[in-house]
Amino acid sequence: YKDPVTKSMPWYANLKLTDIEIPIASYIKITGNNKSFPSWKTAKEG
């Protein structure tokens, strides 16, 4: 299977260089945060 397709959510800011400001958008390309297996929680005695 492939990884679930997710919509990219950019981070917007202004890249400030002295008195110049350039609007930019930052996207996360590589991350090391691995999602853990979902826990199975069961109710006891209903």
All heavy atoms as atom14 arrays in JSON, in Angstrom:
{
  "sequence": "YKDPVTKSMPWYANLKLTDIEIPIASYIKITGNNKSFPSWKTAKEG",
  "atom14_mask": [
    [1, 1, 1, 1, 1, 1, 1, 1, 1, 1, 1, 1, 0, 0],
    [1, 1, 1, 1, 1, 1, 1, 1, 1, 0, 0, 0, 0, 0],
    [1, 1, 1, 1, 1, 1, 1, 1, 0, 0, 0, 0, 0, 0],
    [1, 1, 1, 1, 1, 1, 1, 0, 0, 0, 0, 0, 0, 0],
    [1, 1, 1, 1, 1, 1, 1, 0, 0, 0, 0, 0, 0, 0],
    [1, 1, 1, 1, 1, 1, 1, 0, 0, 0, 0, 0, 0, 0],
    [1, 1, 1, 1, 1, 1, 1, 1, 1, 0, 0, 0, 0, 0],
    [1, 1, 1, 1, 1, 1, 0, 0, 0, 0, 0, 0, 0, 0],
    [1, 1, 1, 1, 1, 1, 1, 1, 0, 0, 0, 0, 0, 0],
    [1, 1, 1, 1, 1, 1, 1, 0, 0, 0, 0, 0, 0, 0],
    [1, 1, 1, 1, 1, 1, 1, 1, 1, 1, 1, 1, 1, 1],
    [1, 1, 1, 1, 1, 1, 1, 1, 1, 1, 1, 1, 0, 0],
    [1, 1, 1, 1, 1, 0, 0, 0, 0, 0, 0, 0, 0, 0],
    [1, 1, 1, 1, 1, 1, 1, 1, 0, 0, 0, 0, 0, 0],
    [1, 1, 1, 1, 1, 1, 1, 1, 0, 0, 0, 0, 0, 0],
    [1, 1, 1, 1, 1, 1, 1, 1, 1, 0, 0, 0, 0, 0],
    [1, 1, 1, 1, 1, 1, 1, 1, 0, 0, 0, 0, 0, 0],
    [1, 1, 1, 1, 1, 1, 1, 0, 0, 0, 0, 0, 0, 0],
    [1, 1, 1, 1, 1, 1, 1, 1, 0, 0, 0, 0, 0, 0],
    [1, 1, 1, 1, 1, 1, 1, 1, 0, 0, 0, 0, 0, 0],
    [1, 1, 1, 1, 1, 1, 1, 1, 1, 0, 0, 0, 0, 0],
    [1, 1, 1, 1, 1, 1, 1, 1, 0, 0, 0, 0, 0, 0],
    [1, 1, 1, 1, 1, 1, 1, 0, 0, 0, 0, 0, 0, 0],
    [1, 1, 1, 1, 1, 1, 1, 1, 0, 0, 0, 0, 0, 0],
    [1, 1, 1, 1, 1, 0, 0, 0, 0, 0, 0, 0, 0, 0],
    [1, 1, 1, 1, 1, 1, 0, 0, 0, 0, 0, 0, 0, 0],
    [1, 1, 1, 1, 1, 1, 1, 1, 1, 1, 1, 1, 0, 0],
    [1, 1, 1, 1, 1, 1, 1, 1, 0, 0, 0, 0, 0, 0],
    [1, 1, 1, 1, 1, 1, 1, 1, 1, 0, 0, 0, 0, 0],
    [1, 1, 1, 1, 1, 1, 1, 1, 0, 0, 0, 0, 0, 0],
    [1, 1, 1, 1, 1, 1, 1, 0, 0, 0, 0, 0, 0, 0],
    [1, 1, 1, 1, 0, 0, 0, 0, 0, 0, 0, 0, 0, 0],
    [1, 1, 1, 1, 1, 1, 1, 1, 0, 0, 0, 0, 0, 0],
    [1, 1, 1, 1, 1, 1, 1, 1, 0, 0, 0, 0, 0, 0],
    [1, 1, 1, 1, 1, 1, 1, 1, 1, 0, 0, 0, 0, 0],
    [1, 1, 1, 1, 1, 1, 0, 0, 0, 0, 0, 0, 0, 0],
    [1, 1, 1, 1, 1, 1, 1, 1, 1, 1, 1, 0, 0, 0],
    [1, 1, 1, 1, 1, 1, 1, 0, 0, 0, 0, 0, 0, 0],
    [1, 1, 1, 1, 1, 1, 0, 0, 0, 0, 0, 0, 0, 0],
    [1, 1, 1, 1, 1, 1, 1, 1, 1, 1, 1, 1, 1, 1],
    [1, 1, 1, 1, 1, 1, 1, 1, 1, 0, 0, 0, 0, 0],
    [1, 1, 1, 1, 1, 1, 1, 0, 0, 0, 0, 0, 0, 0],
    [1, 1, 1, 1, 1, 0, 0, 0, 0, 0, 0, 0, 0, 0],
    [1, 1, 1, 1, 1, 1, 1, 1, 1, 0, 0, 0, 0, 0],
    [1, 1, 1, 1, 1, 1, 1, 1, 1, 0, 0, 0, 0, 0],
    [1, 1, 1, 1, 0, 0, 0, 0, 0, 0, 0, 0, 0, 0]
  ],
  "atom14_positions": [
    [[0.84, -1.19, 0.0], [0.0, 0.0, 0.0], [0.88, 1.25, 0.0], [2.01, 1.23, 0.45], [-0.91, 0.02, 1.24], [-1.84, -1.14, 1.32], [-1.57, -2.22, 2.16], [-3.01, -1.17, 0.58], [-2.42, -3.3, 2.25], [-3.88, -2.24, 0.66], [-3.58, -3.31, 1.5], [-4.43, -4.36, 1.58], [0.0, 0.0, 0.0], [0.0, 0.0, 0.0]],
    [[0.3, 2.34, -0.46], [1.0, 3.61, -0.42], [0.61, 4.37, 0.85], [-0.4, 4.09, 1.48], [0.64, 4.46, -1.65], [1.14, 3.88, -2.96], [0.87, 4.84, -4.09], [1.46, 4.31, -5.4], [1.21, 5.23, -6.52], [0.0, 0.0, 0.0], [0.0, 0.0, 0.0], [0.0, 0.0, 0.0], [0.0, 0.0, 0.0], [0.0, 0.0, 0.0]],
    [[1.44, 5.35, 1.21], [1.09, 6.2, 2.34], [-0.18, 6.98, 2.02], [-0.43, 7.34, 0.87], [2.23, 7.18, 2.65], [3.46, 6.46, 3.15], [3.29, 5.37, 3.74], [4.57, 6.97, 2.96], [0.0, 0.0, 0.0], [0.0, 0.0, 0.0], [0.0, 0.0, 0.0], [0.0, 0.0, 0.0], [0.0, 0.0, 0.0], [0.0, 0.0, 0.0]],
    [[-1.0, 7.24, 3.03], [-2.22, 8.02, 2.78], [-1.89, 9.38, 2.18], [-0.95, 10.05, 2.61], [-2.84, 8.15, 4.18], [-2.24, 7.06, 4.98], [-0.87, 6.82, 4.42], [0.0, 0.0, 0.0], [0.0, 0.0, 0.0], [0.0, 0.0, 0.0], [0.0, 0.0, 0.0], [0.0, 0.0, 0.0], [0.0, 0.0, 0.0], [0.0, 0.0, 0.0]],
    [[-2.65, 9.77, 1.18], [-2.45, 11.06, 0.52], [-2.96, 12.17, 1.44], [-4.11, 12.13, 1.89], [-3.17, 11.1, -0.83], [-2.97, 12.45, -1.5], [-2.67, 9.99, -1.72], [0.0, 0.0, 0.0], [0.0, 0.0, 0.0], [0.0, 0.0, 0.0], [0.0, 0.0, 0.0], [0.0, 0.0, 0.0], [0.0, 0.0, 0.0], [0.0, 0.0, 0.0]],
    [[-2.12, 13.12, 1.73], [-2.5, 14.23, 2.6], [-2.35, 15.55, 1.86], [-1.52, 15.68, 0.96], [-1.63, 14.26, 3.87], [-0.24, 14.36, 3.49], [-1.85, 13.0, 4.7], [0.0, 0.0, 0.0], [0.0, 0.0, 0.0], [0.0, 0.0, 0.0], [0.0, 0.0, 0.0], [0.0, 0.0, 0.0], [0.0, 0.0, 0.0], [0.0, 0.0, 0.0]],
    [[-3.17, 16.48, 2.22], [-3.12, 17.79, 1.61], [-2.04, 18.62, 2.27], [-1.97, 18.71, 3.51], [-4.48, 18.48, 1.73], [-4.54, 19.84, 1.04], [-5.93, 20.46, 1.19], [-5.99, 21.82, 0.51], [-7.33, 22.44, 0.67], [0.0, 0.0, 0.0], [0.0, 0.0, 0.0], [0.0, 0.0, 0.0], [0.0, 0.0, 0.0], [0.0, 0.0, 0.0]],
    [[-1.19, 19.25, 1.48], [-0.09, 20.04, 2.03], [-0.65, 21.33, 2.63], [-1.5, 22.0, 2.04], [0.93, 20.37, 0.94], [0.3, 21.07, -0.13], [0.0, 0.0, 0.0], [0.0, 0.0, 0.0], [0.0, 0.0, 0.0], [0.0, 0.0, 0.0], [0.0, 0.0, 0.0], [0.0, 0.0, 0.0], [0.0, 0.0, 0.0], [0.0, 0.0, 0.0]],
    [[-0.18, 21.64, 3.83], [-0.59, 22.86, 4.53], [0.65, 23.73, 4.7], [1.46, 23.51, 5.61], [-1.21, 22.52, 5.88], [-2.46, 21.67, 5.78], [-3.81, 22.52, 4.97], [-4.18, 23.78, 6.17], [0.0, 0.0, 0.0], [0.0, 0.0, 0.0], [0.0, 0.0, 0.0], [0.0, 0.0, 0.0], [0.0, 0.0, 0.0], [0.0, 0.0, 0.0]],
    [[0.87, 24.7, 3.83], [2.09, 25.5, 3.91], [2.06, 26.47, 5.09], [0.99, 26.81, 5.62], [2.1, 26.25, 2.58], [0.66, 26.35, 2.18], [0.02, 25.09, 2.69], [0.0, 0.0, 0.0], [0.0, 0.0, 0.0], [0.0, 0.0, 0.0], [0.0, 0.0, 0.0], [0.0, 0.0, 0.0], [0.0, 0.0, 0.0], [0.0, 0.0, 0.0]],
    [[3.24, 26.88, 5.49], [3.41, 27.91, 6.52], [3.81, 29.19, 5.82], [4.85, 29.25, 5.14], [4.47, 27.46, 7.52], [4.77, 28.48, 8.59], [4.01, 28.79, 9.67], [5.94, 29.3, 8.68], [4.62, 29.76, 10.42], [5.8, 30.09, 9.85], [7.08, 29.47, 7.89], [6.77, 31.02, 10.23], [8.04, 30.38, 8.28], [7.88, 31.15, 9.45]],
    [[3.01, 30.22, 5.95], [3.25, 31.48, 5.25], [3.95, 32.45, 6.18], [3.63, 32.57, 7.38], [1.93, 32.08, 4.77], [1.22, 31.26, 3.72], [0.15, 30.45, 4.04], [1.64, 31.31, 2.39], [-0.5, 29.69, 3.08], [1.0, 30.56, 1.41], [-0.07, 29.75, 1.76], [-0.7, 29.0, 0.81], [0.0, 0.0, 0.0], [0.0, 0.0, 0.0]],
    [[4.91, 33.19, 5.63], [5.63, 34.22, 6.38], [6.31, 35.14, 5.37], [6.23, 34.94, 4.15], [6.65, 33.59, 7.33], [0.0, 0.0, 0.0], [0.0, 0.0, 0.0], [0.0, 0.0, 0.0], [0.0, 0.0, 0.0], [0.0, 0.0, 0.0], [0.0, 0.0, 0.0], [0.0, 0.0, 0.0], [0.0, 0.0, 0.0], [0.0, 0.0, 0.0]],
    [[6.98, 36.18, 5.89], [7.75, 37.09, 5.06], [9.23, 36.91, 5.36], [9.65, 37.05, 6.52], [7.34, 38.54, 5.34], [5.98, 38.87, 4.78], [5.5, 38.22, 3.84], [5.32, 39.88, 5.34], [0.0, 0.0, 0.0], [0.0, 0.0, 0.0], [0.0, 0.0, 0.0], [0.0, 0.0, 0.0], [0.0, 0.0, 0.0], [0.0, 0.0, 0.0]],
    [[9.99, 36.55, 4.35], [11.43, 36.43, 4.48], [12.02, 37.84, 4.48], [12.02, 38.53, 3.45], [12.01, 35.6, 3.33], [13.53, 35.44, 3.3], [14.02, 34.7, 4.53], [13.96, 34.7, 2.04], [0.0, 0.0, 0.0], [0.0, 0.0, 0.0], [0.0, 0.0, 0.0], [0.0, 0.0, 0.0], [0.0, 0.0, 0.0], [0.0, 0.0, 0.0]],
    [[12.5, 38.28, 5.64], [12.96, 39.65, 5.8], [14.47, 39.72, 5.65], [15.22, 39.07, 6.38], [12.55, 40.19, 7.17], [12.81, 41.69, 7.33], [12.25, 42.2, 8.65], [12.48, 43.71, 8.79], [11.96, 44.23, 10.07], [0.0, 0.0, 0.0], [0.0, 0.0, 0.0], [0.0, 0.0, 0.0], [0.0, 0.0, 0.0], [0.0, 0.0, 0.0]],
    [[14.92, 40.5, 4.68], [16.34, 40.72, 4.41], [16.58, 42.22, 4.42], [16.21, 42.92, 3.46], [16.74, 40.09, 3.07], [18.17, 40.3, 2.59], [19.16, 39.73, 3.6], [18.38, 39.67, 1.22], [0.0, 0.0, 0.0], [0.0, 0.0, 0.0], [0.0, 0.0, 0.0], [0.0, 0.0, 0.0], [0.0, 0.0, 0.0], [0.0, 0.0, 0.0]],
    [[17.17, 42.72, 5.51], [17.3, 44.17, 5.76], [15.92, 44.82, 5.63], [15.03, 44.52, 6.38], [18.35, 44.8, 4.81], [17.91, 44.64, 3.46], [19.71, 44.13, 5.0], [0.0, 0.0, 0.0], [0.0, 0.0, 0.0], [0.0, 0.0, 0.0], [0.0, 0.0, 0.0], [0.0, 0.0, 0.0], [0.0, 0.0, 0.0], [0.0, 0.0, 0.0]],
    [[15.76, 45.72, 4.66], [14.47, 46.38, 4.49], [13.61, 45.75, 3.4], [12.59, 46.31, 3.0], [14.68, 47.86, 4.17], [15.55, 48.06, 2.93], [16.19, 47.07, 2.5], [15.58, 49.18, 2.39], [0.0, 0.0, 0.0], [0.0, 0.0, 0.0], [0.0, 0.0, 0.0], [0.0, 0.0, 0.0], [0.0, 0.0, 0.0], [0.0, 0.0, 0.0]],
    [[14.01, 44.56, 2.92], [13.26, 43.85, 1.88], [12.49, 42.71, 2.52], [13.05, 41.95, 3.32], [14.2, 43.32, 0.78], [15.0, 44.46, 0.16], [13.41, 42.57, -0.29], [16.05, 43.99, -0.84], [0.0, 0.0, 0.0], [0.0, 0.0, 0.0], [0.0, 0.0, 0.0], [0.0, 0.0, 0.0], [0.0, 0.0, 0.0], [0.0, 0.0, 0.0]],
    [[11.23, 42.55, 2.18], [10.41, 41.46, 2.66], [9.83, 40.69, 1.48], [9.18, 41.27, 0.61], [9.27, 41.98, 3.55], [9.77, 42.57, 4.86], [8.64, 42.85, 5.83], [7.5, 42.42, 5.53], [8.87, 43.48, 6.87], [0.0, 0.0, 0.0], [0.0, 0.0, 0.0], [0.0, 0.0, 0.0], [0.0, 0.0, 0.0], [0.0, 0.0, 0.0]],
    [[10.09, 39.37, 1.46], [9.64, 38.5, 0.37], [8.63, 37.51, 0.94], [8.99, 36.69, 1.78], [10.82, 37.74, -0.27], [11.92, 38.72, -0.72], [10.35, 36.89, -1.44], [13.17, 38.04, -1.22], [0.0, 0.0, 0.0], [0.0, 0.0, 0.0], [0.0, 0.0, 0.0], [0.0, 0.0, 0.0], [0.0, 0.0, 0.0], [0.0, 0.0, 0.0]],
    [[7.38, 37.53, 0.5], [6.4, 36.54, 0.97], [6.79, 35.14, 0.51], [7.07, 34.9, -0.66], [5.08, 36.99, 0.33], [5.3, 38.43, -0.02], [6.75, 38.55, -0.36], [0.0, 0.0, 0.0], [0.0, 0.0, 0.0], [0.0, 0.0, 0.0], [0.0, 0.0, 0.0], [0.0, 0.0, 0.0], [0.0, 0.0, 0.0], [0.0, 0.0, 0.0]],
    [[6.83, 34.21, 1.48], [7.23, 32.84, 1.17], [6.21, 31.85, 1.74], [5.4, 32.2, 2.59], [8.65, 32.52, 1.72], [8.73, 32.8, 3.24], [9.69, 33.34, 1.0], [8.55, 31.59, 4.09], [0.0, 0.0, 0.0], [0.0, 0.0, 0.0], [0.0, 0.0, 0.0], [0.0, 0.0, 0.0], [0.0, 0.0, 0.0], [0.0, 0.0, 0.0]],
    [[6.29, 30.61, 1.24], [5.48, 29.5, 1.75], [6.42, 28.34, 2.01], [7.21, 27.96, 1.13], [4.39, 29.11, 0.76], [0.0, 0.0, 0.0], [0.0, 0.0, 0.0], [0.0, 0.0, 0.0], [0.0, 0.0, 0.0], [0.0, 0.0, 0.0], [0.0, 0.0, 0.0], [0.0, 0.0, 0.0], [0.0, 0.0, 0.0], [0.0, 0.0, 0.0]],
    [[6.34, 27.75, 3.2], [7.23, 26.66, 3.59], [6.43, 25.37, 3.68], [5.37, 25.32, 4.31], [7.88, 26.97, 4.94], [8.69, 25.9, 5.37], [0.0, 0.0, 0.0], [0.0, 0.0, 0.0], [0.0, 0.0, 0.0], [0.0, 0.0, 0.0], [0.0, 0.0, 0.0], [0.0, 0.0, 0.0], [0.0, 0.0, 0.0], [0.0, 0.0, 0.0]],
    [[6.96, 24.31, 3.03], [6.31, 23.0, 3.02], [7.24, 21.98, 3.66], [8.45, 21.96, 3.38], [5.99, 22.53, 1.59], [5.04, 23.45, 0.84], [5.53, 24.57, 0.15], [3.68, 23.2, 0.8], [4.67, 25.4, -0.54], [2.81, 24.03, 0.1], [3.32, 25.13, -0.56], [2.46, 25.95, -1.24], [0.0, 0.0, 0.0], [0.0, 0.0, 0.0]],
    [[6.7, 21.1, 4.51], [7.48, 20.03, 5.11], [7.66, 18.93, 4.06], [6.68, 18.36, 3.57], [6.81, 19.48, 6.36], [6.75, 20.56, 7.44], [7.56, 18.26, 6.89], [6.07, 20.1, 8.72], [0.0, 0.0, 0.0], [0.0, 0.0, 0.0], [0.0, 0.0, 0.0], [0.0, 0.0, 0.0], [0.0, 0.0, 0.0], [0.0, 0.0, 0.0]],
    [[8.91, 18.63, 3.7], [9.19, 17.61, 2.68], [9.56, 16.28, 3.31], [9.12, 15.23, 2.86], [10.32, 18.09, 1.76], [10.61, 17.14, 0.61], [11.65, 17.71, -0.33], [11.94, 16.77, -1.49], [10.77, 16.54, -2.33], [0.0, 0.0, 0.0], [0.0, 0.0, 0.0], [0.0, 0.0, 0.0], [0.0, 0.0, 0.0], [0.0, 0.0, 0.0]],
    [[10.4, 16.29, 4.34], [10.85, 15.07, 5.0], [10.65, 15.24, 6.49], [11.01, 16.27, 7.06], [12.34, 14.79, 4.72], [12.57, 14.63, 3.21], [12.81, 13.54, 5.44], [14.02, 14.48, 2.83], [0.0, 0.0, 0.0], [0.0, 0.0, 0.0], [0.0, 0.0, 0.0], [0.0, 0.0, 0.0], [0.0, 0.0, 0.0], [0.0, 0.0, 0.0]],
    [[10.06, 14.25, 7.11], [9.88, 14.29, 8.56], [10.17, 12.92, 9.13], [9.91, 11.91, 8.5], [8.45, 14.74, 8.94], [8.34, 14.74, 10.36], [7.41, 13.8, 8.35], [0.0, 0.0, 0.0], [0.0, 0.0, 0.0], [0.0, 0.0, 0.0], [0.0, 0.0, 0.0], [0.0, 0.0, 0.0], [0.0, 0.0, 0.0], [0.0, 0.0, 0.0]],
    [[10.69, 12.89, 10.34], [11.01, 11.63, 11.0], [9.99, 11.23, 12.03], [10.2, 10.29, 12.78], [0.0, 0.0, 0.0], [0.0, 0.0, 0.0], [0.0, 0.0, 0.0], [0.0, 0.0, 0.0], [0.0, 0.0, 0.0], [0.0, 0.0, 0.0], [0.0, 0.0, 0.0], [0.0, 0.0, 0.0], [0.0, 0.0, 0.0], [0.0, 0.0, 0.0]],
    [[8.86, 11.92, 12.08], [7.83, 11.59, 13.05], [6.97, 10.46, 12.5], [6.13, 10.67, 11.63], [6.95, 12.81, 13.34], [7.75, 13.95, 13.94], [8.7, 13.71, 14.66], [7.38, 15.18, 13.64], [0.0, 0.0, 0.0], [0.0, 0.0, 0.0], [0.0, 0.0, 0.0], [0.0, 0.0, 0.0], [0.0, 0.0, 0.0], [0.0, 0.0, 0.0]],
    [[7.2, 9.25, 12.98], [6.45, 8.08, 12.51], [5.17, 7.92, 13.33], [5.19, 8.01, 14.56], [7.3, 6.82, 12.64], [8.54, 6.89, 11.78], [8.5, 7.43, 10.68], [9.65, 6.37, 12.27], [0.0, 0.0, 0.0], [0.0, 0.0, 0.0], [0.0, 0.0, 0.0], [0.0, 0.0, 0.0], [0.0, 0.0, 0.0], [0.0, 0.0, 0.0]],
    [[4.09, 7.68, 12.63], [2.81, 7.47, 13.3], [2.77, 6.06, 13.87], [3.08, 5.1, 13.21], [1.66, 7.68, 12.32], [1.57, 9.11, 11.79], [0.39, 9.27, 10.85], [0.28, 10.69, 10.34], [-0.86, 10.86, 9.4], [0.0, 0.0, 0.0], [0.0, 0.0, 0.0], [0.0, 0.0, 0.0], [0.0, 0.0, 0.0], [0.0, 0.0, 0.0]],
    [[2.38, 5.97, 15.13], [2.33, 4.67, 15.78], [1.05, 3.94, 15.41], [0.09, 4.53, 14.91], [2.41, 4.84, 17.3], [1.33, 5.65, 17.76], [0.0, 0.0, 0.0], [0.0, 0.0, 0.0], [0.0, 0.0, 0.0], [0.0, 0.0, 0.0], [0.0, 0.0, 0.0], [0.0, 0.0, 0.0], [0.0, 0.0, 0.0], [0.0, 0.0, 0.0]],
    [[1.07, 2.65, 15.64], [-0.1, 1.83, 15.33], [-1.25, 2.24, 16.25], [-1.06, 2.43, 17.45], [0.24, 0.35, 15.56], [-0.77, -0.59, 14.99], [-0.64, -1.05, 13.69], [-1.84, -1.01, 15.75], [-1.57, -1.92, 13.16], [-2.77, -1.88, 15.23], [-2.64, -2.33, 13.95], [0.0, 0.0, 0.0], [0.0, 0.0, 0.0], [0.0, 0.0, 0.0]],
    [[-2.47, 2.44, 15.73], [-3.57, 2.88, 16.58], [-3.89, 1.86, 17.66], [-3.84, 0.66, 17.44], [-4.74, 3.01, 15.58], [-4.37, 2.14, 14.43], [-2.89, 2.2, 14.33], [0.0, 0.0, 0.0], [0.0, 0.0, 0.0], [0.0, 0.0, 0.0], [0.0, 0.0, 0.0], [0.0, 0.0, 0.0], [0.0, 0.0, 0.0], [0.0, 0.0, 0.0]],
    [[-4.19, 2.37, 18.85], [-4.48, 1.49, 19.98], [-5.92, 1.01, 19.89], [-6.82, 1.74, 19.48], [-4.25, 2.23, 21.29], [-5.1, 3.36, 21.36], [0.0, 0.0, 0.0], [0.0, 0.0, 0.0], [0.0, 0.0, 0.0], [0.0, 0.0, 0.0], [0.0, 0.0, 0.0], [0.0, 0.0, 0.0], [0.0, 0.0, 0.0], [0.0, 0.0, 0.0]],
    [[-6.12, -0.25, 20.31], [-7.46, -0.83, 20.33], [-7.97, -0.79, 21.78], [-7.52, -1.55, 22.63], [-7.43, -2.28, 19.82], [-6.97, -2.39, 18.41], [-5.69, -2.54, 17.98], [-7.78, -2.34, 17.24], [-5.64, -2.59, 16.62], [-6.92, -2.48, 16.13], [-9.15, -2.21, 17.02], [-7.38, -2.48, 14.82], [-9.6, -2.21, 15.71], [-8.73, -2.34, 14.63]],
    [[-8.9, 0.12, 22.06], [-9.45, 0.26, 23.4], [-10.8, -0.45, 23.47], [-11.68, -0.22, 22.65], [-9.63, 1.74, 23.75], [-8.31, 2.49, 23.86], [-8.52, 3.91, 24.31], [-7.2, 4.65, 24.46], [-7.4, 6.06, 24.89], [0.0, 0.0, 0.0], [0.0, 0.0, 0.0], [0.0, 0.0, 0.0], [0.0, 0.0, 0.0], [0.0, 0.0, 0.0]],
    [[-10.93, -1.32, 24.43], [-12.17, -2.07, 24.6], [-12.82, -1.69, 25.92], [-12.14, -1.4, 26.91], [-11.9, -3.58, 24.58], [-10.97, -3.9, 25.62], [-11.32, -4.0, 23.23], [0.0, 0.0, 0.0], [0.0, 0.0, 0.0], [0.0, 0.0, 0.0], [0.0, 0.0, 0.0], [0.0, 0.0, 0.0], [0.0, 0.0, 0.0], [0.0, 0.0, 0.0]],
    [[-14.13, -1.7, 25.93], [-14.86, -1.39, 27.15], [-15.0, -2.65, 28.0], [-15.12, -3.76, 27.48], [-16.24, -0.85, 26.81], [0.0, 0.0, 0.0], [0.0, 0.0, 0.0], [0.0, 0.0, 0.0], [0.0, 0.0, 0.0], [0.0, 0.0, 0.0], [0.0, 0.0, 0.0], [0.0, 0.0, 0.0], [0.0, 0.0, 0.0], [0.0, 0.0, 0.0]],
    [[-14.95, -2.5, 29.29], [-15.07, -3.62, 30.21], [-16.52, -3.72, 30.71], [-17.05, -2.75, 31.25], [-14.12, -3.44, 31.39], [-12.65, -3.45, 30.98], [-11.75, -3.3, 32.19], [-10.29, -3.33, 31.79], [-9.41, -3.17, 32.96], [0.0, 0.0, 0.0], [0.0, 0.0, 0.0], [0.0, 0.0, 0.0], [0.0, 0.0, 0.0], [0.0, 0.0, 0.0]],
    [[-17.09, -4.91, 30.5], [-18.44, -5.19, 30.96], [-19.45, -4.18, 30.44], [-20.38, -3.76, 31.14], [-18.48, -5.23, 32.49], [-17.58, -6.3, 33.09], [-17.63, -6.29, 34.6], [-18.34, -5.42, 35.15], [-16.97, -7.15, 35.22], [0.0, 0.0, 0.0], [0.0, 0.0, 0.0], [0.0, 0.0, 0.0], [0.0, 0.0, 0.0], [0.0, 0.0, 0.0]],
    [[-19.27, -3.76, 29.21], [-20.21, -2.85, 28.59], [-20.13, -1.42, 29.07], [-20.95, -0.58, 28.67], [0.0, 0.0, 0.0], [0.0, 0.0, 0.0], [0.0, 0.0, 0.0], [0.0, 0.0, 0.0], [0.0, 0.0, 0.0], [0.0, 0.0, 0.0], [0.0, 0.0, 0.0], [0.0, 0.0, 0.0], [0.0, 0.0, 0.0], [0.0, 0.0, 0.0]]
  ]
}
